[in-house]
């Protein structure tokens, strides 16, 4: 085994270990669009799910079948019918949906049963359990449109799903539900996944979809930064994917978007992510199936690969106000005294309070960071990133960093830099790279303290 491989593999494996520990025992509801299976991605997705399952994560897998049902309908000379993005399920469509669901369930169970040597599934034992966990009701007639056998989730058998998960099995759900009288209803995969995630109060709701994520700048009112409002349709071109979007931003964006009619519309998956987060699911994700390993990249890497909607109220992360000055001073004082941070006076913090982001628990500031933009250079300084000793190791530093990165992107900035004497490796693990002090904007170079000898690190945001 080469030394180069050791050099790359060992640090990488160590870097993902905190996420392995973090997610053990958690419950993920993973919704796979039928388009992903149609594109031949089933094997790789199953392999990644089996790997995540082996690391102690409870998984509920919901599959879609939109293209599979459409293929069968067309083969029978029957055109697919939709209204407002929802399938109208007549008798022929219901038969096609039942056939497609049966075939896909068979394919998924077979994929989880593979165990060939020298493959990712070697040694994997994943028991897949499916059943009548969903009770449904008809959509009925809405604005004159009869949706026939299309339905909505009425009830989720929480106890049955939780018992299955506790037994170590993966739960597989098709987008079907049954009424108390035994009628079958065709359901939307997105609605099933969202309803199950809410009922279970899952830790994550993950959509593996045909879109890469959201490329939308947040609204000016969302982040308090002038001159960066998105337009009414959401601004898509030339913007990087927002790897993290606060729930408040997502809600306001959703209000501006037209009602979705197909899965490629910006609001199609976003509406379900918002609904889940508002109902208590802390994080919901939109991932591209075209990226191999997107699920692993999102779950076990710092920056992820798609878009995560997060309810920040649960984490009490926000921009600071003048009432936080005392808490920030108390937080950073020990680190100033031991030389980790440059000393800042109360006057300086009061003057710059609008630049600070804080994490508050029960009225106490546990973490903070400041953002000082250099707009002419499209960069900003990340300063005074601090986490209280009692809260270290819980991810608060990363939460603040992500929030600051989000603020910087909303200002149209393309990089973030930090000056540090003792925490260089922490920043390098999170995508920063060392540069010479000459890289700094001229205005910042003038304030650079050569006696302190801080290292300069930069992270690109695009």
Protein backbone atom coordinates (compact mmCIF):
# COMPACT_ATOMS: atom_id res chain seq x y z
CA UNK A 1 0.00 0.00 0.00
CA UNK A 2 1.49 3.30 -1.07
CA UNK A 3 2.50 6.03 1.35
CA UNK A 4 0.48 8.50 -0.73
CA UNK A 5 -2.67 6.43 -0.17
CA UNK A 6 -1.98 6.29 3.57
CA UNK A 7 -1.44 10.03 3.64
CA UNK A 8 -4.81 10.74 2.00
CA UNK A 9 -6.94 7.95 3.47
CA UNK A 10 -6.05 8.24 7.16
CA UNK A 11 -6.77 11.99 7.54
CA UNK A 12 -9.95 11.59 5.52
CA UNK A 13 -11.20 8.71 7.63
CA UNK A 14 -10.43 10.60 10.81
CA UNK A 15 -12.25 13.66 9.48
CA UNK A 16 -15.49 11.73 8.93
CA UNK A 17 -15.36 9.96 12.32
CA UNK A 18 -17.21 12.78 14.16
CA UNK A 19 -20.11 12.48 11.71
CA UNK A 20 -20.21 8.70 12.17
CA UNK A 21 -20.54 9.20 15.93
CA UNK A 22 -23.03 12.05 15.47
CA UNK A 23 -25.44 10.06 13.30
CA UNK A 24 -25.35 6.72 15.14
CA UNK A 25 -28.83 5.91 16.43
CA UNK A 26 -30.45 8.69 14.39
CA UNK A 27 -33.36 8.16 11.97
CA UNK A 28 -33.19 9.23 8.33
CA UNK A 29 -36.13 9.17 5.93
CA UNK A 30 -34.61 8.87 2.45
CA UNK A 31 -36.83 9.51 -0.58
CA UNK A 32 -35.45 8.32 -3.92
CA UNK A 33 -37.09 9.76 -7.02
CA UNK A 34 -38.20 7.23 -9.63
CA UNK A 35 -36.04 9.19 -12.08
CA UNK A 36 -32.93 8.08 -10.15
CA UNK A 37 -33.86 4.42 -10.53
CA UNK A 38 -34.78 4.99 -14.17
CA UNK A 39 -31.30 6.51 -14.71
CA UNK A 40 -29.61 3.33 -13.41
CA UNK A 41 -28.54 4.75 -10.03
CA UNK A 42 -30.27 2.16 -7.84
CA UNK A 43 -27.21 -0.02 -7.19
CA UNK A 44 -24.97 2.81 -6.03
CA UNK A 45 -27.71 4.36 -3.87
CA UNK A 46 -28.43 1.00 -2.24
CA UNK A 47 -24.73 0.46 -1.56
CA UNK A 48 -24.49 3.86 0.13
CA UNK A 49 -27.65 3.24 2.17
CA UNK A 50 -26.31 -0.14 3.29
CA UNK A 51 -23.07 1.51 4.38
CA UNK A 52 -24.90 4.23 6.33
CA UNK A 53 -27.14 1.56 7.89
CA UNK A 54 -24.07 -0.41 8.97
CA UNK A 55 -22.88 2.66 10.90
CA UNK A 56 -25.94 2.63 13.13
CA UNK A 57 -28.40 4.87 11.29
CA UNK A 58 -32.08 3.87 11.17
CA UNK A 59 -33.36 4.21 7.61
CA UNK A 60 -36.83 4.50 6.14
CA UNK A 61 -36.58 4.34 2.34
CA UNK A 62 -39.41 5.72 0.20
CA UNK A 63 -39.19 5.16 -3.54
CA UNK A 64 -40.90 7.08 -6.31
CA UNK A 65 -42.12 5.66 -9.61
CA UNK A 66 -43.28 8.54 -11.77
CA UNK A 67 -41.33 7.63 -14.96
CA UNK A 68 -41.99 3.90 -14.51
CA UNK A 69 -45.75 4.46 -14.32
CA UNK A 70 -45.63 6.80 -17.31
CA UNK A 71 -43.77 4.19 -19.36
CA UNK A 72 -46.41 1.57 -18.64
CA UNK A 73 -49.21 3.98 -19.42
CA UNK A 74 -47.69 4.91 -22.77
CA UNK A 75 -47.09 1.24 -23.58
CA UNK A 76 -50.83 0.73 -23.11
CA UNK A 77 -51.66 3.72 -25.29
CA UNK A 78 -52.76 5.81 -22.33
CA UNK A 79 -51.52 9.36 -21.77
CA UNK A 80 -50.36 10.32 -18.24
CA UNK A 81 -52.69 12.92 -16.74
CA UNK A 82 -51.67 15.56 -14.19
CA UNK A 83 -53.25 18.57 -12.52
CA UNK A 84 -51.13 20.98 -10.47
CA UNK A 85 -48.28 18.49 -10.57
CA UNK A 86 -50.40 15.66 -9.10
CA UNK A 87 -51.24 12.53 -11.09
CA UNK A 88 -54.89 11.85 -11.91
CA UNK A 89 -55.10 8.12 -11.20
CA UNK A 90 -57.83 6.45 -13.22
CA UNK A 91 -58.26 2.64 -13.35
CA UNK A 92 -55.56 2.16 -15.98
CA UNK A 93 -53.11 4.41 -14.11
CA UNK A 94 -53.84 2.59 -10.84
CA UNK A 95 -53.06 -0.77 -12.46
CA UNK A 96 -49.84 0.63 -13.90
CA UNK A 97 -48.86 2.10 -10.53
CA UNK A 98 -49.43 -1.22 -8.77
CA UNK A 99 -47.35 -3.05 -11.37
CA UNK A 100 -44.55 -0.48 -11.19
CA UNK A 101 -44.53 -0.53 -7.39
CA UNK A 102 -44.30 -4.32 -7.30
CA UNK A 103 -41.46 -4.40 -9.81
CA UNK A 104 -39.50 -1.65 -8.07
CA UNK A 105 -39.94 -3.22 -4.65
CA UNK A 106 -38.57 -6.46 -6.06
CA UNK A 107 -35.57 -4.66 -7.60
CA UNK A 108 -34.81 -2.75 -4.40
CA UNK A 109 -35.03 -5.84 -2.19
CA UNK A 110 -32.80 -7.73 -4.63
CA UNK A 111 -30.25 -4.92 -4.58
CA UNK A 112 -30.07 -5.01 -0.78
CA UNK A 113 -29.65 -8.79 -0.88
CA UNK A 114 -26.45 -8.78 -2.92
CA UNK A 115 -23.28 -9.84 -1.16
CA UNK A 116 -20.70 -10.61 -3.82
CA UNK A 117 -17.07 -10.58 -2.64
CA UNK A 118 -15.01 -7.49 -3.52
CA UNK A 119 -18.11 -5.29 -3.79
CA UNK A 120 -19.43 -2.66 -1.34
CA UNK A 121 -22.23 -5.08 -0.39
CA UNK A 122 -19.86 -7.88 0.67
CA UNK A 123 -20.72 -8.91 4.21
CA UNK A 124 -23.67 -6.55 4.37
CA UNK A 125 -26.80 -7.97 5.94
CA UNK A 126 -29.69 -5.58 5.48
CA UNK A 127 -33.14 -6.93 6.24
CA UNK A 128 -35.74 -4.96 4.26
CA UNK A 129 -39.29 -4.84 5.62
CA UNK A 130 -42.24 -3.32 3.81
CA UNK A 131 -45.92 -3.35 4.66
CA UNK A 132 -49.16 -1.49 5.08
CA UNK A 133 -47.72 1.30 7.22
CA UNK A 134 -49.66 4.08 5.47
CA UNK A 135 -53.40 4.74 5.75
CA UNK A 136 -54.68 6.98 2.97
CA UNK A 137 -57.72 8.94 1.90
CA UNK A 138 -58.78 10.20 -1.53
CA UNK A 139 -57.86 13.68 -2.73
CA UNK A 140 -61.36 13.87 -4.17
CA UNK A 141 -62.55 16.64 -6.47
CA UNK A 142 -60.60 19.88 -6.21
CA UNK A 143 -61.55 22.94 -8.29
CA UNK A 144 -63.56 20.71 -10.58
CA UNK A 145 -60.75 18.17 -11.10
CA UNK A 146 -61.51 14.59 -10.03
CA UNK A 147 -58.24 12.98 -8.95
CA UNK A 148 -59.95 9.56 -8.81
CA UNK A 149 -57.63 7.06 -7.06
CA UNK A 150 -54.94 9.58 -6.16
CA UNK A 151 -54.75 10.02 -2.41
CA UNK A 152 -53.23 11.75 0.57
CA UNK A 153 -51.65 10.32 3.70
CA UNK A 154 -54.19 10.04 6.49
CA UNK A 155 -52.15 8.20 9.12
CA UNK A 156 -48.69 6.70 9.58
CA UNK A 157 -48.24 3.52 11.62
CA UNK A 158 -45.52 5.02 13.80
CA UNK A 159 -45.43 2.13 16.24
CA UNK A 160 -45.04 -0.44 13.47
CA UNK A 161 -42.23 1.49 11.77
CA UNK A 162 -40.38 2.15 15.02
CA UNK A 163 -40.57 -1.51 16.07
CA UNK A 164 -39.17 -2.53 12.68
CA UNK A 165 -36.32 -0.05 12.96
CA UNK A 166 -35.53 -1.15 16.52
CA UNK A 167 -35.22 -4.72 15.23
CA UNK A 168 -32.41 -3.50 12.97
CA UNK A 169 -34.35 -3.64 9.70
CA UNK A 170 -34.65 -1.06 6.96
CA UNK A 171 -38.23 0.02 6.25
CA UNK A 172 -39.19 0.24 2.57
CA UNK A 173 -42.29 2.22 1.59
CA UNK A 174 -43.93 2.47 -1.81
CA UNK A 175 -46.07 5.51 -2.60
CA UNK A 176 -49.27 3.61 -1.89
CA UNK A 177 -51.76 3.76 0.93
CA UNK A 178 -54.92 1.91 1.84
CA UNK A 179 -58.18 3.10 3.28
CA UNK A 180 -59.88 1.35 6.22
CA UNK A 181 -62.24 -0.19 3.63
CA UNK A 182 -59.32 -1.69 1.68
CA UNK A 183 -59.20 0.75 -1.23
CA UNK A 184 -55.76 1.43 -2.72
CA UNK A 185 -54.62 4.98 -3.38
CA UNK A 186 -51.71 6.22 -5.43
CA UNK A 187 -49.73 8.72 -3.34
CA UNK A 188 -46.99 11.19 -4.12
CA UNK A 189 -43.59 9.89 -3.01
CA UNK A 190 -42.72 13.35 -1.66
CA UNK A 191 -45.84 13.50 0.50
CA UNK A 192 -45.30 10.00 1.88
CA UNK A 193 -41.69 10.76 2.81
CA UNK A 194 -42.59 14.09 4.41
CA UNK A 195 -45.50 12.65 6.38
CA UNK A 196 -43.39 9.75 7.66
CA UNK A 197 -40.50 12.06 8.62
CA UNK A 198 -42.89 14.31 10.56
CA UNK A 199 -44.67 11.41 12.26
CA UNK A 200 -41.38 9.84 13.35
CA UNK A 201 -39.80 13.24 14.14
CA UNK A 202 -36.89 11.98 12.06
CA UNK A 203 -33.48 13.59 12.34
CA UNK A 204 -33.24 14.04 8.57
CA UNK A 205 -35.50 14.00 5.53
CA UNK A 206 -33.42 13.46 2.40
CA UNK A 207 -34.67 13.74 -1.19
CA UNK A 208 -32.42 12.18 -3.85
CA UNK A 209 -33.66 13.95 -6.95
CA UNK A 210 -33.06 15.10 -10.50
CA UNK A 211 -32.11 18.63 -9.42
CA UNK A 212 -28.67 19.52 -7.98
CA UNK A 213 -29.95 21.67 -5.13
CA UNK A 214 -31.00 25.30 -4.81
CA UNK A 215 -29.03 28.10 -6.46
CA UNK A 216 -30.82 31.01 -4.88
CA UNK A 217 -29.43 34.04 -3.07
CA UNK A 218 -31.41 34.77 0.13
CA UNK A 219 -33.52 37.88 0.38
CA UNK A 220 -32.10 41.18 1.63
CA UNK A 221 -34.51 41.14 4.55
CA UNK A 222 -33.46 37.61 5.45
CA UNK A 223 -29.85 38.35 6.27
CA UNK A 224 -29.69 42.08 6.85
CA UNK A 225 -27.31 42.68 3.97
CA UNK A 226 -28.26 45.46 1.51
CA UNK A 227 -28.20 45.06 -2.23
CA UNK A 228 -28.54 41.30 -2.56
CA UNK A 229 -32.24 40.58 -2.95
CA UNK A 230 -33.33 37.69 -5.17
CA UNK A 231 -35.93 38.42 -7.80
CA UNK A 232 -39.46 37.09 -7.69
CA UNK A 233 -38.59 33.91 -9.55
CA UNK A 234 -35.49 33.15 -7.52
CA UNK A 235 -32.14 33.98 -9.05
CA UNK A 236 -30.61 30.85 -10.55
CA UNK A 237 -27.91 31.78 -13.03
CA UNK A 238 -24.27 32.11 -12.01
CA UNK A 239 -25.00 31.42 -8.34
CA UNK A 240 -23.38 28.60 -6.36
CA UNK A 241 -25.58 25.97 -4.76
CA UNK A 242 -26.68 27.03 -1.29
CA UNK A 243 -25.41 24.13 0.81
CA UNK A 244 -27.38 25.42 3.78
CA UNK A 245 -30.56 27.49 3.77
CA UNK A 246 -32.16 28.67 7.03
CA UNK A 247 -35.83 27.76 7.32
CA UNK A 248 -36.84 31.43 7.45
CA UNK A 249 -35.07 32.07 4.13
CA UNK A 250 -36.64 28.98 2.57
CA UNK A 251 -40.14 29.99 3.70
CA UNK A 252 -39.86 33.48 2.24
CA UNK A 253 -38.43 32.16 -1.00
CA UNK A 254 -41.26 29.64 -1.30
CA UNK A 255 -43.84 32.42 -0.98
CA UNK A 256 -42.35 34.15 -4.04
CA UNK A 257 -42.18 31.10 -6.30
CA UNK A 258 -45.03 29.96 -8.56
CA UNK A 259 -46.81 26.72 -7.60
CA UNK A 260 -44.78 23.75 -8.88
CA UNK A 261 -46.09 21.59 -11.70
CA UNK A 262 -43.20 19.14 -12.13
CA UNK A 263 -40.21 17.88 -10.11
CA UNK A 264 -37.79 20.24 -11.85
CA UNK A 265 -39.59 23.33 -10.57
CA UNK A 266 -37.67 25.08 -7.80
CA UNK A 267 -40.54 24.85 -5.31
CA UNK A 268 -41.36 21.16 -5.93
CA UNK A 269 -39.10 19.62 -3.28
CA UNK A 270 -38.58 22.85 -1.37
CA UNK A 271 -42.23 22.93 -0.27
CA UNK A 272 -41.86 19.52 1.36
CA UNK A 273 -38.56 20.43 3.02
CA UNK A 274 -40.14 23.53 4.52
CA UNK A 275 -43.21 21.61 5.69
CA UNK A 276 -41.04 18.99 7.40
CA UNK A 277 -38.81 21.52 9.16
CA UNK A 278 -41.79 23.56 10.36
CA UNK A 279 -43.25 20.37 11.84
CA UNK A 280 -40.16 19.45 13.85
CA UNK A 281 -37.77 17.68 11.46
CA UNK A 282 -34.53 19.54 12.17
CA UNK A 283 -32.93 19.13 8.74
CA UNK A 284 -34.19 18.33 5.26
CA UNK A 285 -31.98 17.87 2.20
CA UNK A 286 -32.22 18.02 -1.61
CA UNK A 287 -29.46 15.97 -3.31
CA UNK A 288 -28.62 15.25 -6.97
CA UNK A 289 -28.66 11.59 -7.96
CA UNK A 290 -26.35 12.39 -10.87
CA UNK A 291 -23.45 12.89 -8.42
CA UNK A 292 -22.08 9.50 -7.44
CA UNK A 293 -22.04 9.15 -3.67
CA UNK A 294 -24.13 12.29 -3.10
CA UNK A 295 -25.72 10.72 -0.02
CA UNK A 296 -22.35 9.97 1.59
CA UNK A 297 -20.97 13.39 0.67
CA UNK A 298 -23.95 15.12 2.26
CA UNK A 299 -24.06 13.07 5.45
CA UNK A 300 -20.36 12.66 6.22
CA UNK A 301 -18.68 15.78 4.79
CA UNK A 302 -18.67 19.28 6.26
CA UNK A 303 -19.90 21.24 3.23
CA UNK A 304 -22.11 18.55 1.72
CA UNK A 305 -23.16 18.34 -1.93
CA UNK A 306 -26.78 19.53 -2.15
CA UNK A 307 -28.98 21.92 -0.20
CA UNK A 308 -29.91 21.51 3.46
CA UNK A 309 -32.88 23.34 4.97
CA UNK A 310 -32.33 23.79 8.71
CA UNK A 311 -34.58 25.18 11.42
CA UNK A 312 -32.13 27.46 13.18
CA UNK A 313 -34.60 28.23 15.96
CA UNK A 314 -33.77 24.80 17.32
CA UNK A 315 -30.12 25.75 17.45
CA UNK A 316 -30.67 29.38 18.58
CA UNK A 317 -28.21 30.63 15.96
CA UNK A 318 -28.75 34.23 14.88
CA UNK A 319 -27.18 37.59 14.17
CA UNK A 320 -26.12 39.44 17.31
CA UNK A 321 -27.71 42.55 18.80
CA UNK A 322 -26.60 45.08 21.42
CA UNK A 323 -27.98 42.93 24.23
CA UNK A 324 -25.36 40.30 23.34
CA UNK A 325 -22.30 42.53 23.87
CA UNK A 326 -21.81 41.44 27.48
CA UNK A 327 -22.15 37.76 26.60
CA UNK A 328 -19.66 38.04 23.74
CA UNK A 329 -17.13 39.82 25.99
CA UNK A 330 -17.49 37.12 28.63
CA UNK A 331 -17.09 34.39 26.01
CA UNK A 332 -13.95 35.72 24.31
CA UNK A 333 -12.14 37.11 27.38
CA UNK A 334 -10.38 33.85 28.40
CA UNK A 335 -9.14 33.33 24.84
CA UNK A 336 -7.87 36.91 24.70
CA UNK A 337 -6.04 36.41 27.98
CA UNK A 338 -4.18 33.32 26.76
CA UNK A 339 -3.30 34.97 23.43
CA UNK A 340 -5.54 32.86 21.19
CA UNK A 341 -7.56 35.92 20.19
CA UNK A 342 -6.60 39.55 19.68
CA UNK A 343 -8.02 41.74 22.44
CA UNK A 344 -11.17 43.70 21.58
CA UNK A 345 -12.63 46.46 23.71
CA UNK A 346 -16.29 46.76 24.61
CA UNK A 347 -16.44 49.84 22.41
CA UNK A 348 -15.16 47.88 19.41
CA UNK A 349 -17.68 45.08 19.91
CA UNK A 350 -20.56 47.54 20.39
CA UNK A 351 -19.52 49.32 17.20
CA UNK A 352 -19.28 46.08 15.19
CA UNK A 353 -22.13 44.14 16.80
CA UNK A 354 -23.98 43.87 13.49
CA UNK A 355 -21.07 41.85 12.09
CA UNK A 356 -21.40 39.14 14.76
CA UNK A 357 -23.23 35.82 14.64
CA UNK A 358 -23.96 34.02 17.91
CA UNK A 359 -25.31 30.73 19.24
CA UNK A 360 -27.44 31.14 22.35
CA UNK A 361 -28.68 28.44 24.70
CA UNK A 362 -30.99 29.39 27.58
CA UNK A 363 -29.94 33.02 27.39
CA UNK A 364 -26.19 32.26 27.41
CA UNK A 365 -23.89 32.95 24.43
CA UNK A 366 -21.95 29.75 23.73
CA UNK A 367 -20.36 30.63 20.39
CA UNK A 368 -19.73 33.66 18.20
CA UNK A 369 -17.92 34.91 15.11
CA UNK A 370 -17.62 38.20 13.24
CA UNK A 371 -17.61 38.92 9.51
CA UNK A 372 -15.72 41.94 8.14
CA UNK A 373 -16.27 42.35 4.39
CA UNK A 374 -13.82 43.83 1.87
CA UNK A 375 -16.32 44.27 -0.93
CA UNK A 376 -13.84 45.61 -3.49
CA UNK A 377 -11.91 42.34 -3.26
CA UNK A 378 -15.04 40.16 -2.94
CA UNK A 379 -13.70 38.68 0.26
CA UNK A 380 -14.28 39.01 4.00
CA UNK A 381 -12.41 38.33 7.22
CA UNK A 382 -13.79 35.76 9.63
CA UNK A 383 -12.77 36.96 13.08
CA UNK A 384 -13.25 36.04 16.74
CA UNK A 385 -14.66 32.58 16.01
CA UNK A 386 -15.06 31.26 19.55
CA UNK A 387 -16.83 28.35 21.25
CA UNK A 388 -17.19 28.11 25.01
CA UNK A 389 -15.16 25.25 26.54
CA UNK A 390 -18.34 23.65 27.91
CA UNK A 391 -19.81 23.43 24.40
CA UNK A 392 -16.75 22.34 22.46
CA UNK A 393 -17.02 19.11 20.52
CA UNK A 394 -20.74 19.57 19.83
CA UNK A 395 -20.39 21.18 16.41
CA UNK A 396 -21.21 24.77 17.42
CA UNK A 397 -18.06 26.06 15.71
CA UNK A 398 -19.13 24.51 12.43
CA UNK A 399 -22.66 25.88 12.79
CA UNK A 400 -21.35 29.41 13.22
CA UNK A 401 -18.91 28.97 10.33
CA UNK A 402 -21.68 27.82 8.00
CA UNK A 403 -23.88 30.75 9.01
CA UNK A 404 -21.04 33.21 8.35
CA UNK A 405 -20.34 31.56 4.98
CA UNK A 406 -24.02 31.95 4.13
CA UNK A 407 -23.92 35.65 5.03
CA UNK A 408 -20.78 36.14 2.94
CA UNK A 409 -22.35 34.46 -0.10
CA UNK A 410 -25.45 36.62 0.26
CA UNK A 411 -23.18 39.67 -0.08
CA UNK A 412 -21.81 38.37 -3.38
CA UNK A 413 -18.41 37.55 -1.84
CA UNK A 414 -16.32 34.74 -3.28
CA UNK A 415 -13.93 33.94 -0.44
CA UNK A 416 -13.45 34.07 3.30
CA UNK A 417 -10.12 34.52 5.10
CA UNK A 418 -8.99 34.09 8.68
CA UNK A 419 -5.86 35.01 10.65
CA UNK A 420 -4.92 32.49 13.31
CA UNK A 421 -1.98 31.47 15.47
CA UNK A 422 -3.29 28.29 17.11
CA UNK A 423 -6.26 26.87 15.24
CA UNK A 424 -4.88 26.51 11.72
CA UNK A 425 -5.63 22.78 11.44
CA UNK A 426 -9.27 23.24 12.45
CA UNK A 427 -9.75 25.64 9.55
CA UNK A 428 -7.79 23.48 7.09
CA UNK A 429 -10.13 20.55 7.84
CA UNK A 430 -13.00 22.81 6.84
CA UNK A 431 -11.69 23.82 3.44
CA UNK A 432 -9.34 26.72 4.21
CA UNK A 433 -5.88 26.77 2.61
CA UNK A 434 -2.77 28.70 3.77
CA UNK A 435 -1.62 31.75 1.78
CA UNK A 436 1.01 34.41 2.31
CA UNK A 437 0.04 37.64 4.13
CA UNK A 438 0.58 39.49 0.83
CA UNK A 439 -2.68 37.87 -0.34
CA UNK A 440 -4.67 40.08 2.06
CA UNK A 441 -6.50 43.17 0.79
CA UNK A 442 -4.31 46.26 1.08
CA UNK A 443 -6.44 47.75 3.84
CA UNK A 444 -6.05 44.56 5.91
CA UNK A 445 -2.33 44.28 5.19
CA UNK A 446 -1.80 47.66 6.85
CA UNK A 447 -3.26 46.25 10.08
CA UNK A 448 -1.35 42.96 9.92
CA UNK A 449 0.73 42.46 13.09
CA UNK A 450 4.05 40.95 12.04
CA UNK A 451 5.05 40.39 15.68
CA UNK A 452 2.02 38.19 16.26
CA UNK A 453 2.88 36.24 13.11
CA UNK A 454 -0.64 35.00 12.39
CA UNK A 455 -1.10 32.48 9.60
CA UNK A 456 -3.47 33.54 6.84
CA UNK A 457 -5.93 30.97 5.48
CA UNK A 458 -8.50 31.39 2.71
CA UNK A 459 -11.61 29.46 1.72
CA UNK A 460 -13.32 29.85 -1.65
CA UNK A 461 -17.09 30.14 -1.47
CA UNK A 462 -17.88 29.32 -5.11
